Amino acid sequence: TGGAARALDIADSVGNLRPGLDADVVVLDPSATPLLAWVAGRAAGPGHWLGVMQTLGDDRCVAAVYAAGRRVGGTVPGA
């Protein structure tokens, strides 16, 4: 997201996870279902892992959602 923030000339407020910047974050759980855990555990690298999450993931793999620094949702308590 850093490149997009620079292109939009808003890198002073978004684009990475530095303290003081705005960020909405979704924490994914690759072990949310048995099939997802099995396939994600055999991913050949980060790109493959993301493809697995995109293809097999659903609402059950959203462990936590943070908006403006506050937890606003998710399925795993304390995640």
N, C-alpha and C. Protein backbone atom coordinates (compact mmCIF):
# COMPACT_ATOMS: atom_id res chain seq x y z
N THR A 1 0.81 -1.20 0.00
CA THR A 1 0.00 0.00 0.00
C THR A 1 0.85 1.27 0.00
N GLY A 2 2.14 1.13 0.28
CA GLY A 2 3.01 2.30 0.27
C GLY A 2 3.08 2.98 -1.08
N GLY A 3 3.18 2.19 -2.14
CA GLY A 3 3.25 2.77 -3.49
C GLY A 3 1.98 3.49 -3.85
N ALA A 4 0.84 2.90 -3.50
CA ALA A 4 -0.44 3.54 -3.79
C ALA A 4 -0.58 4.84 -3.00
N ALA A 5 -0.13 4.83 -1.74
CA ALA A 5 -0.21 6.05 -0.92
C ALA A 5 0.66 7.16 -1.51
N ARG A 6 1.84 6.80 -1.99
CA ARG A 6 2.71 7.81 -2.63
C ARG A 6 2.07 8.34 -3.91
N ALA A 7 1.49 7.45 -4.70
CA ALA A 7 0.87 7.87 -5.96
C ALA A 7 -0.30 8.81 -5.72
N LEU A 8 -1.01 8.60 -4.60
CA LEU A 8 -2.14 9.46 -4.26
C LEU A 8 -1.74 10.66 -3.42
N ASP A 9 -0.44 10.77 -3.14
CA ASP A 9 0.11 11.87 -2.34
C ASP A 9 -0.51 11.93 -0.93
N ILE A 10 -0.70 10.75 -0.34
CA ILE A 10 -1.23 10.69 1.02
C ILE A 10 -0.31 9.84 1.93
N ALA A 11 0.95 9.66 1.51
CA ALA A 11 1.88 8.81 2.26
C ALA A 11 2.21 9.37 3.64
N ASP A 12 1.88 10.64 3.89
CA ASP A 12 2.16 11.19 5.21
C ASP A 12 1.13 10.72 6.25
N SER A 13 0.04 10.07 5.80
CA SER A 13 -0.97 9.61 6.76
C SER A 13 -1.31 8.12 6.62
N VAL A 14 -1.02 7.50 5.48
CA VAL A 14 -1.31 6.07 5.29
C VAL A 14 -0.20 5.42 4.47
N GLY A 15 -0.24 4.11 4.36
CA GLY A 15 0.68 3.43 3.47
C GLY A 15 1.60 2.44 4.13
N ASN A 16 1.69 2.47 5.47
CA ASN A 16 2.47 1.47 6.19
C ASN A 16 1.97 1.43 7.63
N LEU A 17 2.63 0.66 8.47
CA LEU A 17 2.16 0.47 9.85
C LEU A 17 2.98 1.25 10.87
N ARG A 18 3.61 2.33 10.45
CA ARG A 18 4.36 3.16 11.40
C ARG A 18 3.42 3.78 12.42
N PRO A 19 3.88 3.94 13.67
CA PRO A 19 3.04 4.60 14.68
C PRO A 19 2.62 5.99 14.21
N GLY A 20 1.37 6.33 14.49
CA GLY A 20 0.85 7.64 14.15
C GLY A 20 0.13 7.71 12.81
N LEU A 21 0.28 6.68 11.97
CA LEU A 21 -0.42 6.68 10.68
C LEU A 21 -1.76 5.97 10.81
N ASP A 22 -2.67 6.28 9.90
CA ASP A 22 -3.97 5.62 9.88
C ASP A 22 -3.83 4.26 9.23
N ALA A 23 -4.47 3.24 9.80
CA ALA A 23 -4.42 1.91 9.21
C ALA A 23 -5.64 1.11 9.63
N ASP A 24 -6.22 0.43 8.68
CA ASP A 24 -7.25 -0.57 8.95
C ASP A 24 -6.60 -1.91 8.62
N VAL A 25 -6.68 -2.86 9.54
CA VAL A 25 -5.95 -4.11 9.41
C VAL A 25 -6.89 -5.30 9.61
N VAL A 26 -6.74 -6.31 8.76
CA VAL A 26 -7.47 -7.56 8.91
C VAL A 26 -6.45 -8.65 9.22
N VAL A 27 -6.66 -9.38 10.30
CA VAL A 27 -5.78 -10.48 10.71
C VAL A 27 -6.44 -11.78 10.26
N LEU A 28 -5.73 -12.55 9.44
CA LEU A 28 -6.28 -13.80 8.90
C LEU A 28 -5.76 -15.00 9.67
N ASP A 29 -6.61 -16.01 9.82
CA ASP A 29 -6.27 -17.26 10.50
C ASP A 29 -6.21 -18.38 9.47
N PRO A 30 -5.01 -18.83 9.09
CA PRO A 30 -4.90 -19.87 8.07
C PRO A 30 -5.31 -21.26 8.56
N SER A 31 -5.66 -21.38 9.83
CA SER A 31 -6.11 -22.68 10.33
C SER A 31 -7.60 -22.68 10.65
N ALA A 32 -8.34 -21.77 10.03
CA ALA A 32 -9.77 -21.63 10.31
C ALA A 32 -10.59 -22.86 9.94
N THR A 33 -10.18 -23.58 8.92
CA THR A 33 -10.85 -24.83 8.53
C THR A 33 -9.78 -25.88 8.30
N PRO A 34 -10.12 -27.14 8.43
CA PRO A 34 -9.11 -28.19 8.22
C PRO A 34 -8.48 -28.15 6.82
N LEU A 35 -9.29 -27.95 5.78
CA LEU A 35 -8.75 -27.91 4.42
C LEU A 35 -7.82 -26.71 4.24
N LEU A 36 -8.24 -25.56 4.72
CA LEU A 36 -7.42 -24.36 4.62
C LEU A 36 -6.09 -24.56 5.35
N ALA A 37 -6.13 -25.12 6.53
CA ALA A 37 -4.90 -25.36 7.29
C ALA A 37 -3.97 -26.31 6.54
N TRP A 38 -4.54 -27.35 5.96
CA TRP A 38 -3.73 -28.34 5.25
C TRP A 38 -3.05 -27.71 4.03
N VAL A 39 -3.83 -26.98 3.21
CA VAL A 39 -3.27 -26.40 1.98
C VAL A 39 -2.33 -25.24 2.30
N ALA A 40 -2.73 -24.35 3.21
CA ALA A 40 -1.88 -23.20 3.56
C ALA A 40 -0.57 -23.66 4.18
N GLY A 41 -0.61 -24.76 4.91
CA GLY A 41 0.60 -25.29 5.53
C GLY A 41 1.60 -25.83 4.52
N ARG A 42 1.17 -26.02 3.29
CA ARG A 42 2.05 -26.53 2.23
C ARG A 42 2.35 -25.47 1.18
N ALA A 43 2.02 -24.22 1.47
CA ALA A 43 2.25 -23.13 0.52
C ALA A 43 3.74 -23.00 0.22
N ALA A 44 4.06 -22.76 -1.03
CA ALA A 44 5.45 -22.68 -1.48
C ALA A 44 6.09 -21.32 -1.19
N GLY A 45 5.34 -20.36 -0.72
CA GLY A 45 5.87 -19.04 -0.43
C GLY A 45 4.73 -18.08 -0.15
N PRO A 46 5.05 -16.82 0.16
CA PRO A 46 4.01 -15.85 0.51
C PRO A 46 2.95 -15.65 -0.57
N GLY A 47 3.35 -15.61 -1.83
CA GLY A 47 2.39 -15.44 -2.91
C GLY A 47 1.43 -16.61 -3.00
N HIS A 48 1.96 -17.81 -2.85
CA HIS A 48 1.11 -19.00 -2.87
C HIS A 48 0.18 -19.00 -1.68
N TRP A 49 0.69 -18.63 -0.50
CA TRP A 49 -0.12 -18.58 0.72
C TRP A 49 -1.28 -17.61 0.53
N LEU A 50 -1.01 -16.44 0.00
CA LEU A 50 -2.07 -15.46 -0.24
C LEU A 50 -3.11 -15.99 -1.23
N GLY A 51 -2.64 -16.71 -2.26
CA GLY A 51 -3.56 -17.31 -3.22
C GLY A 51 -4.46 -18.34 -2.58
N VAL A 52 -3.90 -19.13 -1.68
CA VAL A 52 -4.68 -20.13 -0.94
C VAL A 52 -5.73 -19.43 -0.09
N MET A 53 -5.33 -18.39 0.62
CA MET A 53 -6.28 -17.66 1.48
C MET A 53 -7.39 -17.02 0.64
N GLN A 54 -7.03 -16.49 -0.52
CA GLN A 54 -8.02 -15.86 -1.40
C GLN A 54 -9.00 -16.89 -1.96
N THR A 55 -8.49 -18.05 -2.30
CA THR A 55 -9.30 -19.07 -2.94
C THR A 55 -10.16 -19.86 -1.95
N LEU A 56 -9.56 -20.26 -0.85
CA LEU A 56 -10.26 -21.13 0.10
C LEU A 56 -10.81 -20.40 1.32
N GLY A 57 -10.35 -19.19 1.56
CA GLY A 57 -10.77 -18.46 2.75
C GLY A 57 -12.19 -17.94 2.65
N ASP A 58 -12.81 -17.78 3.80
CA ASP A 58 -14.13 -17.17 3.90
C ASP A 58 -14.19 -16.40 5.21
N ASP A 59 -15.39 -16.06 5.65
CA ASP A 59 -15.51 -15.24 6.85
C ASP A 59 -14.92 -15.91 8.10
N ARG A 60 -14.79 -17.23 8.10
CA ARG A 60 -14.24 -17.92 9.26
C ARG A 60 -12.76 -17.64 9.47
N CYS A 61 -12.05 -17.20 8.43
CA CYS A 61 -10.61 -16.96 8.61
C CYS A 61 -10.30 -15.51 8.99
N VAL A 62 -11.29 -14.70 9.22
CA VAL A 62 -11.05 -13.34 9.70
C VAL A 62 -10.95 -13.40 11.22
N ALA A 63 -9.72 -13.44 11.71
CA ALA A 63 -9.48 -13.57 13.14
C ALA A 63 -9.77 -12.26 13.87
N ALA A 64 -9.42 -11.13 13.26
CA ALA A 64 -9.63 -9.83 13.89
C ALA A 64 -9.65 -8.75 12.83
N VAL A 65 -10.41 -7.70 13.11
CA VAL A 65 -10.47 -6.54 12.24
C VAL A 65 -10.24 -5.31 13.10
N TYR A 66 -9.29 -4.47 12.68
CA TYR A 66 -8.98 -3.24 13.39
C TYR A 66 -9.22 -2.06 12.45
N ALA A 67 -9.93 -1.07 12.93
CA ALA A 67 -10.15 0.16 12.18
C ALA A 67 -9.79 1.33 13.08
N ALA A 68 -8.95 2.21 12.55
CA ALA A 68 -8.49 3.38 13.32
C ALA A 68 -7.91 2.97 14.67
N GLY A 69 -7.20 1.83 14.69
CA GLY A 69 -6.52 1.39 15.90
C GLY A 69 -7.38 0.66 16.91
N ARG A 70 -8.65 0.46 16.62
CA ARG A 70 -9.54 -0.23 17.56
C ARG A 70 -10.08 -1.51 16.92
N ARG A 71 -10.16 -2.54 17.74
CA ARG A 71 -10.73 -3.79 17.24
C ARG A 71 -12.23 -3.61 17.02
N VAL A 72 -12.69 -3.97 15.83
CA VAL A 72 -14.11 -3.79 15.51
C VAL A 72 -14.78 -5.09 15.08
N GLY A 73 -14.05 -6.19 15.05
CA GLY A 73 -14.67 -7.45 14.66
C GLY A 73 -13.67 -8.57 14.60
N GLY A 74 -14.15 -9.73 14.18
CA GLY A 74 -13.32 -10.90 14.04
C GLY A 74 -13.90 -12.08 14.78
N THR A 75 -13.32 -13.24 14.56
CA THR A 75 -13.86 -14.47 15.14
C THR A 75 -13.02 -15.04 16.26
N VAL A 76 -11.80 -14.55 16.45
CA VAL A 76 -10.90 -15.11 17.47
C VAL A 76 -10.76 -14.09 18.60
N PRO A 77 -11.25 -14.41 19.80
CA PRO A 77 -11.11 -13.47 20.91
C PRO A 77 -9.64 -13.16 21.20
N GLY A 78 -9.33 -11.90 21.35
CA GLY A 78 -7.98 -11.49 21.68
C GLY A 78 -6.99 -11.48 20.54
N ALA A 79 -7.42 -11.84 19.33
CA ALA A 79 -6.49 -11.87 18.19
C ALA A 79 -6.11 -10.47 17.78
